[in-house]
């Protein structure tokens, strides 16, 4: 799926959320889940929707209506007191009861049907057995239920806030002001964060199909962001594993939205937003990766900041799901404020330090390569030219022994020039350059040195140079500290390049890099610096059975 198609799908889901919510605001009504019907001369609860507000409150079918929306439906006996009782401070004696027994109110049938069709804002109910055992003296176990506050839930407010987040948040992210790495994710992030608020008018109806649709749309709004974040995960295996997990969370969230269980229809339920929020959260954390860089790990200049931005992008929709009640914006605003403070005073200063350190490292690597090129050019243009003339003169003078010695020195200087700057690397690429290097190393290793390569494409020049220098250092260490056979594997495609060098020696010991640096040998450090320069991952370890394994993995970004 292309980024353009992904963005269009995200916007389409947001449009559906807004359209469905507008319909709910225009024609929707709060369904508390109570269905009433006349039964003889009384009005009873004929049915209670499972998982509804009424079911949550304990309303049961068969209960008798006493009062509906302020209109008496059933008169219960109450004591009647005389109007002319003197004000002595004592409780008056009742003179009777009115009515003498529970009596249905005389309501015009047309008016009664209109009353039953109204949304239930307030209702008094009583169980049939409580009606039989109650009395004016001991009272009646009438249970009151208030739902009027759901009618005044202000579902227009979250919808307006969702539209604001969608527009302003998308513009902020697309402009790059919130982070360069979030710019390609602007639309999916904005849609995922806004969706939980956009569907609030649907949930405010408390109508089972509307709540299910809200859950389905909100979960669908998470998928474009999850897809974008999965594409940022480095390893193919990790991408597949996270993709399966995301699909599982999405299916679970969608199914839960329609399941007839009490908590699934409660907008304050944690289960729904945890499942749906986990859809982008998991790939966001996986794309962020570790925020610390080990001794042999590679990182790009803004990796620290980029990791934090990916993690925040994945976590923010879950916080938006938690923003499901008045004052609506508070949890999300608190979260965004915390992100701003952390980014301003923690993450970005650390990222600037990392950038400065990387710039210094790149300058060192560039200066080293420039010095290598200068020395190679001086040797080639000066010493080698004079040696060539010397060989000709010695051959002309008949000094065969002197001419052979001069040729040996000339060959050694040419090899040194090749080590400093190999023309074949620039002309043919790192694959042929590794062929030349392996042939040369095999003469020094005293055993088999084998190259297995598959290079259908050439990486950028700086990547090829880093690969060659790391292979050069790894082979030198294998000859010095390991044993043949030595196997070099190089693989390059349009999706990246990888290199590995394995030997059959005793294997690198723990802390070898630190000991080498203290002794003034910086081979492992140079390898790590070159890997970091191109944003590759360098892994150096000892095999359990012995032997050192050097692996380099690079992917274009």
Protein backbone atom coordinates (compact mmCIF):
# COMPACT_ATOMS: atom_id res chain seq x y z
CA UNK A 1 0.00 0.00 0.00
CA UNK A 2 1.39 3.39 -0.99
CA UNK A 3 1.50 6.32 1.41
CA UNK A 4 -0.97 8.25 -0.75
CA UNK A 5 -3.50 5.43 -0.70
CA UNK A 6 -3.03 4.99 3.05
CA UNK A 7 -3.71 8.70 3.62
CA UNK A 8 -6.84 8.56 1.47
CA UNK A 9 -8.16 5.59 3.43
CA UNK A 10 -7.49 7.40 6.72
CA UNK A 11 -9.34 10.50 5.53
CA UNK A 12 -12.22 8.37 4.27
CA UNK A 13 -12.58 6.74 7.70
CA UNK A 14 -12.51 10.18 9.36
CA UNK A 15 -15.20 11.36 6.94
CA UNK A 16 -17.37 8.37 7.83
CA UNK A 17 -16.94 9.13 11.54
CA UNK A 18 -18.04 12.73 11.06
CA UNK A 19 -20.96 11.81 8.80
CA UNK A 20 -22.27 9.11 11.15
CA UNK A 21 -21.99 11.44 14.15
CA UNK A 22 -23.85 14.22 12.35
CA UNK A 23 -26.64 11.78 11.54
CA UNK A 24 -26.73 10.73 15.20
CA UNK A 25 -27.00 14.36 16.28
CA UNK A 26 -29.75 15.09 13.75
CA UNK A 27 -32.04 12.08 14.15
CA UNK A 28 -30.56 10.04 16.98
CA UNK A 29 -32.01 9.67 20.44
CA UNK A 30 -30.66 8.30 23.70
CA UNK A 31 -31.72 4.69 24.03
CA UNK A 32 -31.52 3.71 27.69
CA UNK A 33 -32.59 0.17 26.84
CA UNK A 34 -36.05 0.19 28.50
CA UNK A 35 -39.07 -0.88 26.45
CA UNK A 36 -42.53 -0.24 27.94
CA UNK A 37 -45.91 -1.68 27.08
CA UNK A 38 -49.44 -1.55 28.56
CA UNK A 39 -50.40 -4.72 30.41
CA UNK A 40 -54.00 -4.61 31.45
CA UNK A 41 -54.51 -1.35 33.28
CA UNK A 42 -50.82 -0.94 34.10
CA UNK A 43 -47.64 -0.05 32.21
CA UNK A 44 -44.77 -2.51 32.64
CA UNK A 45 -41.22 -2.98 31.42
CA UNK A 46 -41.62 -5.44 28.59
CA UNK A 47 -37.94 -5.76 27.67
CA UNK A 48 -34.50 -4.50 28.76
CA UNK A 49 -31.71 -4.43 26.20
CA UNK A 50 -28.76 -6.49 27.36
CA UNK A 51 -25.72 -4.35 28.00
CA UNK A 52 -27.72 -1.09 28.02
CA UNK A 53 -27.82 1.70 30.59
CA UNK A 54 -30.95 0.22 32.14
CA UNK A 55 -29.44 -3.27 32.33
CA UNK A 56 -26.36 -1.79 33.99
CA UNK A 57 -28.63 -0.08 36.54
CA UNK A 58 -30.47 -3.31 37.31
CA UNK A 59 -33.78 -2.61 35.55
CA UNK A 60 -35.63 -5.88 34.89
CA UNK A 61 -38.46 -6.90 32.63
CA UNK A 62 -41.78 -7.12 34.49
CA UNK A 63 -41.20 -4.09 36.69
CA UNK A 64 -44.22 -1.78 36.97
CA UNK A 65 -44.03 1.90 36.00
CA UNK A 66 -45.02 4.33 38.73
CA UNK A 67 -43.89 7.58 37.14
CA UNK A 68 -42.62 8.30 33.64
CA UNK A 69 -40.85 11.57 32.78
CA UNK A 70 -42.68 13.34 35.62
CA UNK A 71 -46.13 12.01 34.65
CA UNK A 72 -47.76 9.74 37.31
CA UNK A 73 -48.79 6.38 35.84
CA UNK A 74 -49.65 4.42 38.98
CA UNK A 75 -51.01 5.96 42.16
CA UNK A 76 -49.68 4.42 45.38
CA UNK A 77 -51.54 4.69 48.69
CA UNK A 78 -50.33 7.53 50.89
CA UNK A 79 -51.59 8.88 54.21
CA UNK A 80 -53.95 11.82 54.04
CA UNK A 81 -53.67 14.43 56.83
CA UNK A 82 -56.24 17.04 57.89
CA UNK A 83 -55.73 20.55 56.58
CA UNK A 84 -56.80 22.26 59.82
CA UNK A 85 -54.45 20.48 62.20
CA UNK A 86 -53.09 23.02 64.76
CA UNK A 87 -49.40 23.84 64.58
CA UNK A 88 -48.33 22.23 67.86
CA UNK A 89 -45.07 20.74 66.58
CA UNK A 90 -46.45 17.24 66.84
CA UNK A 91 -46.96 14.95 63.86
CA UNK A 92 -50.65 14.91 62.90
CA UNK A 93 -52.66 11.74 62.84
CA UNK A 94 -53.64 10.56 59.36
CA UNK A 95 -57.30 10.57 58.55
CA UNK A 96 -57.04 7.93 55.84
CA UNK A 97 -55.18 6.83 52.69
CA UNK A 98 -55.48 8.00 49.11
CA UNK A 99 -55.90 5.94 47.07
CA UNK A 100 -56.90 2.98 49.18
CA UNK A 101 -54.94 0.56 46.94
CA UNK A 102 -52.47 0.89 44.05
CA UNK A 103 -54.52 2.48 41.30
CA UNK A 104 -53.56 3.13 37.66
CA UNK A 105 -53.94 6.74 36.66
CA UNK A 106 -56.64 7.58 34.18
CA UNK A 107 -54.65 8.55 31.07
CA UNK A 108 -56.10 9.05 27.63
CA UNK A 109 -54.90 6.16 25.42
CA UNK A 110 -53.58 8.54 22.76
CA UNK A 111 -51.68 10.56 25.36
CA UNK A 112 -50.38 7.34 26.92
CA UNK A 113 -48.95 6.12 23.61
CA UNK A 114 -47.29 9.49 23.05
CA UNK A 115 -45.81 9.26 26.55
CA UNK A 116 -44.47 5.77 25.89
CA UNK A 117 -42.80 6.91 22.67
CA UNK A 118 -40.83 9.68 24.40
CA UNK A 119 -37.17 9.15 25.34
CA UNK A 120 -36.97 8.07 28.97
CA UNK A 121 -35.34 10.83 30.98
CA UNK A 122 -36.76 9.85 34.40
CA UNK A 123 -38.67 6.77 35.50
CA UNK A 124 -39.92 5.30 38.80
CA UNK A 125 -40.31 1.51 38.86
CA UNK A 126 -41.43 -1.08 41.39
CA UNK A 127 -41.27 -4.84 41.46
CA UNK A 128 -44.68 -6.63 41.47
CA UNK A 129 -43.99 -8.31 44.82
CA UNK A 130 -42.94 -5.00 46.36
CA UNK A 131 -46.24 -3.55 45.15
CA UNK A 132 -48.12 -6.34 46.94
CA UNK A 133 -46.21 -6.14 50.21
CA UNK A 134 -46.00 -2.33 50.40
CA UNK A 135 -48.35 -0.13 52.33
CA UNK A 136 -48.93 3.51 53.20
CA UNK A 137 -47.59 2.83 56.68
CA UNK A 138 -44.34 1.10 55.68
CA UNK A 139 -43.97 2.62 52.22
CA UNK A 140 -43.28 1.14 48.79
CA UNK A 141 -39.89 0.07 47.45
CA UNK A 142 -39.97 2.39 44.47
CA UNK A 143 -36.72 2.60 42.52
CA UNK A 144 -35.93 5.82 40.65
CA UNK A 145 -33.71 6.04 37.57
CA UNK A 146 -32.46 9.33 36.11
CA UNK A 147 -31.17 9.47 32.54
CA UNK A 148 -31.76 13.13 31.77
CA UNK A 149 -28.05 13.98 32.11
CA UNK A 150 -27.29 11.72 29.15
CA UNK A 151 -29.50 13.95 27.02
CA UNK A 152 -27.35 16.91 28.02
CA UNK A 153 -24.08 15.05 27.47
CA UNK A 154 -22.74 17.71 25.14
CA UNK A 155 -21.77 15.28 22.39
CA UNK A 156 -21.38 18.25 20.03
CA UNK A 157 -18.35 19.37 22.04
CA UNK A 158 -16.21 16.24 21.49
CA UNK A 159 -17.19 16.20 17.82
CA UNK A 160 -16.02 19.80 17.43
CA UNK A 161 -12.80 19.03 19.29
CA UNK A 162 -12.22 16.00 17.08
CA UNK A 163 -12.64 18.09 13.93
CA UNK A 164 -10.23 20.67 15.39
CA UNK A 165 -7.62 18.00 16.16
CA UNK A 166 -8.06 16.53 12.70
CA UNK A 167 -7.47 19.85 10.96
CA UNK A 168 -5.02 21.66 13.21
CA UNK A 169 -3.15 18.53 14.26
CA UNK A 170 -2.79 17.33 10.69
CA UNK A 171 -1.48 20.74 9.59
CA UNK A 172 0.97 20.90 12.51
CA UNK A 173 2.35 17.44 11.78
CA UNK A 174 2.49 17.97 8.01
CA UNK A 175 4.46 21.19 8.47
CA UNK A 176 7.20 19.34 10.33
CA UNK A 177 6.89 21.52 13.43
CA UNK A 178 6.04 18.51 15.57
CA UNK A 179 9.02 16.50 14.29
CA UNK A 180 10.55 15.69 10.93
CA UNK A 181 9.96 11.95 11.29
CA UNK A 182 6.22 12.53 11.91
CA UNK A 183 5.72 14.55 8.75
CA UNK A 184 4.99 11.49 6.54
CA UNK A 185 2.62 10.23 9.25
CA UNK A 186 0.65 13.49 9.55
CA UNK A 187 -2.72 12.30 8.25
CA UNK A 188 -2.76 8.82 9.90
CA UNK A 189 -1.74 10.29 13.28
CA UNK A 190 -4.29 13.11 13.11
CA UNK A 191 -7.10 10.71 12.13
CA UNK A 192 -6.18 8.17 14.83
CA UNK A 193 -6.10 10.82 17.57
CA UNK A 194 -9.30 12.56 16.43
CA UNK A 195 -11.42 9.44 15.80
CA UNK A 196 -12.26 8.62 19.46
CA UNK A 197 -13.73 12.10 19.82
CA UNK A 198 -15.40 12.12 16.41
CA UNK A 199 -17.53 9.06 17.29
CA UNK A 200 -18.71 10.35 20.68
CA UNK A 201 -22.16 11.43 19.34
CA UNK A 202 -22.72 7.83 18.24
CA UNK A 203 -21.81 6.46 21.66
CA UNK A 204 -23.91 9.12 23.38
CA UNK A 205 -27.07 7.59 21.86
CA UNK A 206 -26.59 4.42 23.92
CA UNK A 207 -28.15 2.59 21.01
CA UNK A 208 -26.47 -0.79 20.59
CA UNK A 209 -25.93 -0.65 16.79
CA UNK A 210 -24.68 2.95 17.01
CA UNK A 211 -22.19 2.06 19.73
CA UNK A 212 -21.02 -0.92 17.72
CA UNK A 213 -20.56 1.30 14.66
CA UNK A 214 -18.60 3.80 16.76
CA UNK A 215 -16.27 1.07 17.98
CA UNK A 216 -15.83 -0.28 14.46
CA UNK A 217 -15.04 3.14 12.97
CA UNK A 218 -12.67 4.07 15.79
CA UNK A 219 -10.78 0.80 15.37
CA UNK A 220 -10.62 1.26 11.60
CA UNK A 221 -9.13 4.74 12.14
CA UNK A 222 -6.19 3.12 13.97
CA UNK A 223 -5.22 0.82 11.09
CA UNK A 224 -3.64 3.38 8.68
CA UNK A 225 -1.34 4.63 11.44
CA UNK A 226 -0.49 1.06 12.46
CA UNK A 227 0.32 0.23 8.83
CA UNK A 228 2.60 3.26 8.54
CA UNK A 229 4.43 2.43 11.77
CA UNK A 230 4.86 -1.24 10.81
CA UNK A 231 6.63 -0.07 7.64
CA UNK A 232 9.21 1.69 9.83
CA UNK A 233 10.23 -1.48 11.69
CA UNK A 234 13.66 -2.63 10.53
CA UNK A 235 13.44 -6.42 10.56
CA UNK A 236 11.11 -8.30 8.23
CA UNK A 237 10.37 -10.93 10.87
CA UNK A 238 9.47 -8.23 13.39
CA UNK A 239 7.20 -6.54 10.87
CA UNK A 240 5.29 -9.77 10.27
CA UNK A 241 5.03 -10.57 13.97
CA UNK A 242 3.79 -7.08 14.86
CA UNK A 243 1.38 -7.16 11.91
CA UNK A 244 -0.23 -10.36 13.17
CA UNK A 245 -0.52 -8.90 16.69
CA UNK A 246 -2.07 -5.68 15.34
CA UNK A 247 -4.60 -7.65 13.33
CA UNK A 248 -5.52 -9.63 16.44
CA UNK A 249 -6.04 -6.48 18.51
CA UNK A 250 -8.12 -4.87 15.75
CA UNK A 251 -10.38 -7.91 15.36
CA UNK A 252 -10.81 -8.20 19.15
CA UNK A 253 -11.71 -4.51 19.46
CA UNK A 254 -14.20 -4.72 16.58
CA UNK A 255 -15.86 -7.85 17.97
CA UNK A 256 -16.04 -6.42 21.48
CA UNK A 257 -17.86 -3.36 20.15
CA UNK A 258 -20.82 -5.59 19.20
CA UNK A 259 -20.71 -8.21 21.93
CA UNK A 260 -23.77 -8.09 24.25
CA UNK A 261 -21.81 -7.73 27.48
CA UNK A 262 -22.32 -4.95 29.98
CA UNK A 263 -18.97 -3.24 29.79
CA UNK A 264 -18.78 -3.34 25.99
CA UNK A 265 -21.42 -0.62 25.64
CA UNK A 266 -20.07 1.59 28.38
CA UNK A 267 -18.08 4.52 26.92
CA UNK A 268 -16.09 4.65 30.16
CA UNK A 269 -15.02 1.03 29.75
CA UNK A 270 -11.26 0.50 29.71
CA UNK A 271 -11.46 -2.69 27.68
CA UNK A 272 -12.54 -1.09 24.41
CA UNK A 273 -9.99 1.69 24.29
CA UNK A 274 -7.16 -0.54 25.50
CA UNK A 275 -7.73 -2.99 22.67
CA UNK A 276 -8.25 -0.36 19.97
CA UNK A 277 -5.45 1.85 21.33
CA UNK A 278 -3.04 -1.09 21.24
CA UNK A 279 -3.43 -1.29 17.45
CA UNK A 280 -1.04 1.68 16.79
CA UNK A 281 0.74 1.48 20.16
CA UNK A 282 2.46 -1.85 19.52
CA UNK A 283 3.99 -0.94 16.12
CA UNK A 284 4.86 2.51 17.46
CA UNK A 285 6.97 1.03 20.24
CA UNK A 286 8.50 -1.51 17.85
CA UNK A 287 9.38 1.21 15.33
CA UNK A 288 10.92 3.31 18.10
CA UNK A 289 13.20 0.48 19.16
CA UNK A 290 15.64 0.89 22.05
CA UNK A 291 16.37 4.47 23.06
CA UNK A 292 19.89 3.56 24.19
CA UNK A 293 22.75 2.85 21.85
CA UNK A 294 25.16 0.09 22.80
CA UNK A 295 28.81 -0.17 22.03
CA UNK A 296 28.31 -1.92 18.73
CA UNK A 297 24.90 -0.55 17.74
CA UNK A 298 24.40 1.90 14.94
CA UNK A 299 22.19 4.94 14.96
CA UNK A 300 21.43 7.84 12.71
CA UNK A 301 21.85 11.46 13.75
CA UNK A 302 18.30 11.91 14.95
CA UNK A 303 17.64 8.36 16.11
CA UNK A 304 16.97 9.33 19.70
CA UNK A 305 14.45 12.00 18.73
CA UNK A 306 12.97 9.82 16.00
CA UNK A 307 12.44 6.92 18.40
CA UNK A 308 10.66 9.17 20.87
CA UNK A 309 8.43 10.58 18.12
CA UNK A 310 7.42 7.11 16.88
CA UNK A 311 6.61 5.98 20.42
CA UNK A 312 4.50 9.10 21.06
CA UNK A 313 2.68 8.70 17.73
CA UNK A 314 1.72 5.15 18.66
CA UNK A 315 0.66 5.98 22.24
CA UNK A 316 -1.34 9.19 21.70
CA UNK A 317 -4.45 7.49 20.18
CA UNK A 318 -4.78 5.36 23.33
CA UNK A 319 -4.80 8.54 25.42
CA UNK A 320 -7.46 9.93 23.06
CA UNK A 321 -9.58 6.84 23.77
CA UNK A 322 -9.27 7.60 27.47
CA UNK A 323 -10.63 11.09 26.78
CA UNK A 324 -14.22 9.81 26.76
CA UNK A 325 -16.01 12.07 29.21
CA UNK A 326 -16.32 15.65 30.28
CA UNK A 327 -14.32 17.88 30.19
CA UNK A 328 -13.36 15.78 27.14
CA UNK A 329 -10.00 17.31 26.26
CA UNK A 330 -8.35 17.17 29.71
CA UNK A 331 -6.47 13.81 29.56
CA UNK A 332 -5.31 14.41 26.00
CA UNK A 333 -4.25 18.00 26.78
CA UNK A 334 -2.33 16.79 29.84
CA UNK A 335 -0.58 14.14 27.74
CA UNK A 336 0.37 16.57 24.97
CA UNK A 337 1.62 19.07 27.56
CA UNK A 338 3.81 16.40 29.14
CA UNK A 339 5.17 15.52 25.69
CA UNK A 340 5.98 19.17 24.99
CA UNK A 341 7.82 19.60 28.30
CA UNK A 342 9.73 16.33 27.90
CA UNK A 343 10.67 17.14 24.32
CA UNK A 344 11.69 20.69 25.09
CA UNK A 345 13.81 20.01 28.15
CA UNK A 346 14.92 16.38 27.78
CA UNK A 347 14.68 14.67 24.41
CA UNK A 348 15.70 17.52 22.13
CA UNK A 349 18.76 18.55 24.20
CA UNK A 350 19.91 14.92 24.15
CA UNK A 351 19.27 14.76 20.42
CA UNK A 352 21.38 17.90 19.89
CA UNK A 353 24.22 16.31 21.85
CA UNK A 354 23.92 13.14 19.77
CA UNK A 355 23.91 15.17 16.56
CA UNK A 356 26.99 17.09 17.64
CA UNK A 357 28.80 13.86 18.52
CA UNK A 358 27.86 12.30 15.20
CA UNK A 359 29.03 15.37 13.30
CA UNK A 360 32.38 15.14 15.02
CA UNK A 361 32.56 11.43 14.20
CA UNK A 362 31.71 12.05 10.54
CA UNK A 363 34.38 14.73 10.36
CA UNK A 364 36.94 12.29 11.74
CA UNK A 365 35.92 9.60 9.22
CA UNK A 366 35.95 12.10 6.33
CA UNK A 367 39.35 13.48 7.39
CA UNK A 368 40.72 9.94 7.59
CA UNK A 369 39.50 9.09 4.08
CA UNK A 370 40.85 12.38 2.74
CA UNK A 371 44.24 11.69 4.29
CA UNK A 372 44.22 8.16 2.83
CA UNK A 373 43.45 9.56 -0.61
CA UNK A 374 46.20 12.20 -0.30
CA UNK A 375 48.83 9.68 0.80
CA UNK A 376 47.79 7.26 -1.97
CA UNK A 377 48.02 10.04 -4.55
CA UNK A 378 51.47 11.11 -3.28
CA UNK A 379 52.77 7.54 -3.43
CA UNK A 380 51.31 6.95 -6.88
CA UNK A 381 52.43 10.22 -8.42
CA UNK A 382 55.84 10.41 -6.75
CA UNK A 383 57.42 7.24 -5.36
CA UNK A 384 55.85 4.77 -7.81
CA UNK A 385 56.79 6.89 -10.84
CA UNK A 386 60.40 7.12 -9.69
CA UNK A 387 60.52 3.39 -8.93
CA UNK A 388 59.22 2.64 -12.43
CA UNK A 389 62.03 4.73 -13.92
CA UNK A 390 64.53 3.03 -11.61
CA UNK A 391 63.40 -0.44 -12.74
CA UNK A 392 63.89 0.53 -16.39
CA UNK A 393 67.37 1.89 -15.74
CA UNK A 394 68.40 -1.19 -13.76
CA UNK A 395 67.08 -3.46 -16.52
CA UNK A 396 68.99 -1.38 -19.10
CA UNK A 397 72.16 -1.59 -16.99
CA UNK A 398 71.80 -5.41 -16.67
CA UNK A 399 71.30 -5.30 -12.88
CA UNK A 400 68.64 -7.99 -12.72
CA UNK A 401 68.82 -8.43 -8.94
CA UNK A 402 68.39 -4.70 -8.33
CA UNK A 403 65.53 -4.49 -10.83
CA UNK A 404 63.68 -7.38 -9.10
CA UNK A 405 64.13 -5.73 -5.73
CA UNK A 406 62.76 -2.46 -7.10
CA UNK A 407 59.77 -4.29 -8.60
CA UNK A 408 59.03 -5.93 -5.21
CA UNK A 409 59.09 -2.55 -3.51
CA UNK A 410 56.87 -1.13 -6.27
CA UNK A 411 54.34 -3.97 -5.86
CA UNK A 412 54.21 -3.40 -2.12
CA UNK A 413 53.60 0.31 -2.62
CA UNK A 414 50.80 -0.44 -5.09
CA UNK A 415 49.20 -2.77 -2.51
CA UNK A 416 49.44 -0.01 0.06
CA UNK A 417 47.78 2.39 -2.37
CA UNK A 418 45.04 -0.18 -2.87
CA UNK A 419 44.49 -0.39 0.88
CA UNK A 420 44.36 3.37 1.13
CA UNK A 421 42.00 3.90 -1.79
CA UNK A 422 40.98 1.06 -4.08
CA UNK A 423 40.02 2.21 -7.61
CA UNK A 424 38.00 -0.96 -8.17
CA UNK A 425 35.69 0.08 -5.32
CA UNK A 426 34.78 3.30 -7.13
CA UNK A 427 34.54 1.72 -10.57
CA UNK A 428 32.91 -1.67 -9.98
CA UNK A 429 31.53 -1.57 -6.45
CA UNK A 430 32.07 -3.30 -3.14
CA UNK A 431 31.44 -6.82 -4.49
CA UNK A 432 34.46 -6.91 -6.85
CA UNK A 433 36.47 -5.01 -4.25
CA UNK A 434 35.75 -7.78 -1.75
CA UNK A 435 36.91 -10.32 -4.35
CA UNK A 436 40.24 -8.51 -4.57
CA UNK A 437 40.46 -8.20 -0.77
CA UNK A 438 39.73 -11.88 -0.14
CA UNK A 439 42.35 -13.00 -2.67
CA UNK A 440 44.90 -10.76 -1.01
CA UNK A 441 44.02 -11.84 2.53
CA UNK A 442 44.11 -15.54 1.59
CA UNK A 443 47.83 -15.27 0.92
CA UNK A 444 48.37 -14.04 4.47
CA UNK A 445 45.88 -16.28 6.28
CA UNK A 446 47.57 -19.58 5.49
CA UNK A 447 44.21 -21.25 4.86
CA UNK A 448 40.87 -20.94 3.14
CA UNK A 449 39.28 -17.51 2.86
CA UNK A 450 36.00 -17.75 0.93
CA UNK A 451 33.63 -15.07 -0.38
CA UNK A 452 29.92 -15.70 -0.97
CA UNK A 453 28.31 -12.72 -2.62
CA UNK A 454 25.05 -11.75 -4.24
CA UNK A 455 25.07 -8.12 -5.30
CA UNK A 456 22.34 -7.38 -7.76
CA UNK A 457 22.52 -3.66 -7.05
CA UNK A 458 25.02 -1.14 -5.72
CA UNK A 459 24.37 0.81 -2.52
CA UNK A 460 25.41 4.49 -2.33
CA UNK A 461 29.12 5.26 -2.48
CA UNK A 462 29.45 6.09 1.22
CA UNK A 463 27.76 2.81 2.14
CA UNK A 464 30.07 0.83 -0.16
CA UNK A 465 33.11 2.52 1.35
CA UNK A 466 31.92 1.74 4.91
CA UNK A 467 31.23 -1.89 3.99
CA UNK A 468 34.67 -2.30 2.44
CA UNK A 469 36.52 -0.70 5.36
CA UNK A 470 34.61 -2.80 7.91
CA UNK A 471 35.31 -5.97 5.90
CA UNK A 472 38.95 -4.94 5.66
CA UNK A 473 39.22 -4.49 9.44
CA UNK A 474 37.25 -7.66 10.21
CA UNK A 475 39.44 -9.77 7.90
CA UNK A 476 42.61 -8.30 9.39
CA UNK A 477 41.36 -9.22 12.87
CA UNK A 478 40.36 -12.70 11.67
CA UNK A 479 43.87 -13.33 10.28
CA UNK A 480 45.54 -11.93 13.41
CA UNK A 481 43.35 -13.38 16.16
CA UNK A 482 41.35 -16.18 14.48
CA UNK A 483 41.95 -19.21 12.27
CA UNK A 484 40.86 -20.33 8.81
CA UNK A 485 38.51 -21.16 7.31
CA UNK A 486 37.27 -17.56 7.06
CA UNK A 487 33.94 -17.01 5.32
CA UNK A 488 32.82 -13.62 4.01
CA UNK A 489 29.20 -13.19 2.92
CA UNK A 490 27.91 -10.11 1.12
CA UNK A 491 24.34 -9.60 -0.08
CA UNK A 492 22.89 -6.45 -1.65
CA UNK A 493 19.43 -5.70 -3.02
CA UNK A 494 17.33 -2.58 -3.50
CA UNK A 495 16.03 -3.13 0.04
CA UNK A 496 19.44 -3.04 1.73
CA UNK A 497 22.81 -4.73 2.10
CA UNK A 498 24.38 -7.12 4.59
CA UNK A 499 27.90 -8.32 5.32
CA UNK A 500 29.21 -11.03 7.63
CA UNK A 501 32.72 -12.29 8.41
CA UNK A 502 33.14 -15.56 10.34
CA UNK A 503 36.34 -17.30 11.41
CA UNK A 504 37.15 -20.55 13.22
CA UNK A 505 39.34 -19.06 15.95
CA UNK A 506 38.75 -19.01 19.71
CA UNK A 507 36.36 -16.06 19.39
CA UNK A 508 36.38 -12.50 20.64
CA UNK A 509 36.43 -12.15 24.43
CA UNK A 510 34.12 -9.92 26.42
CA UNK A 511 35.43 -6.38 26.78
CA UNK A 512 37.90 -6.79 23.91
CA UNK A 513 36.94 -3.42 22.47
CA UNK A 514 37.70 -1.54 25.69
CA UNK A 515 41.01 -3.32 26.17
CA UNK A 516 42.03 -2.58 22.57
CA UNK A 517 41.22 1.12 22.99
CA UNK A 518 43.29 1.30 26.18
CA UNK A 519 46.16 -0.29 24.27
CA UNK A 520 45.83 2.28 21.50
CA UNK A 521 44.16 -0.04 18.95
CA UNK A 522 40.95 1.47 17.58
CA UNK A 523 39.90 -1.11 14.99
CA UNK A 524 36.60 -2.08 16.65
CA UNK A 525 35.84 1.56 17.41
CA UNK A 526 36.48 2.55 13.79
CA UNK A 527 34.16 -0.23 12.61
CA UNK A 528 31.40 1.00 14.95
CA UNK A 529 31.87 4.59 13.83
CA UNK A 530 31.63 3.68 10.15
CA UNK A 531 28.47 1.66 10.81
CA UNK A 532 26.92 4.57 12.69
CA UNK A 533 27.84 6.97 9.90
CA UNK A 534 25.65 5.13 7.38
CA UNK A 535 22.92 4.23 9.90
CA UNK A 536 23.72 0.51 9.82
CA UNK A 537 23.64 -2.07 12.62
CA UNK A 538 26.97 -3.67 13.54
CA UNK A 539 26.98 -6.85 15.62
CA UNK A 540 30.22 -8.45 16.87
CA UNK A 541 29.94 -11.57 18.98
CA UNK A 542 31.54 -14.91 19.83
CA UNK A 543 29.81 -18.07 18.65
CA UNK A 544 29.06 -20.51 21.50
CA UNK A 545 31.30 -23.13 19.88
CA UNK A 546 34.11 -20.67 19.19
CA UNK A 547 34.85 -18.24 16.38
CA UNK A 548 34.07 -14.56 15.92
CA UNK A 549 31.03 -13.36 14.00
CA UNK A 550 30.98 -9.84 12.55
CA UNK A 551 27.67 -8.81 10.96
CA UNK A 552 26.70 -5.53 9.30
CA UNK A 553 23.13 -4.73 8.23
CA UNK A 554 22.10 -1.59 6.31
CA UNK A 555 18.71 -0.51 4.98
CA UNK A 556 17.92 2.64 3.00
CA UNK A 557 15.81 5.16 4.88
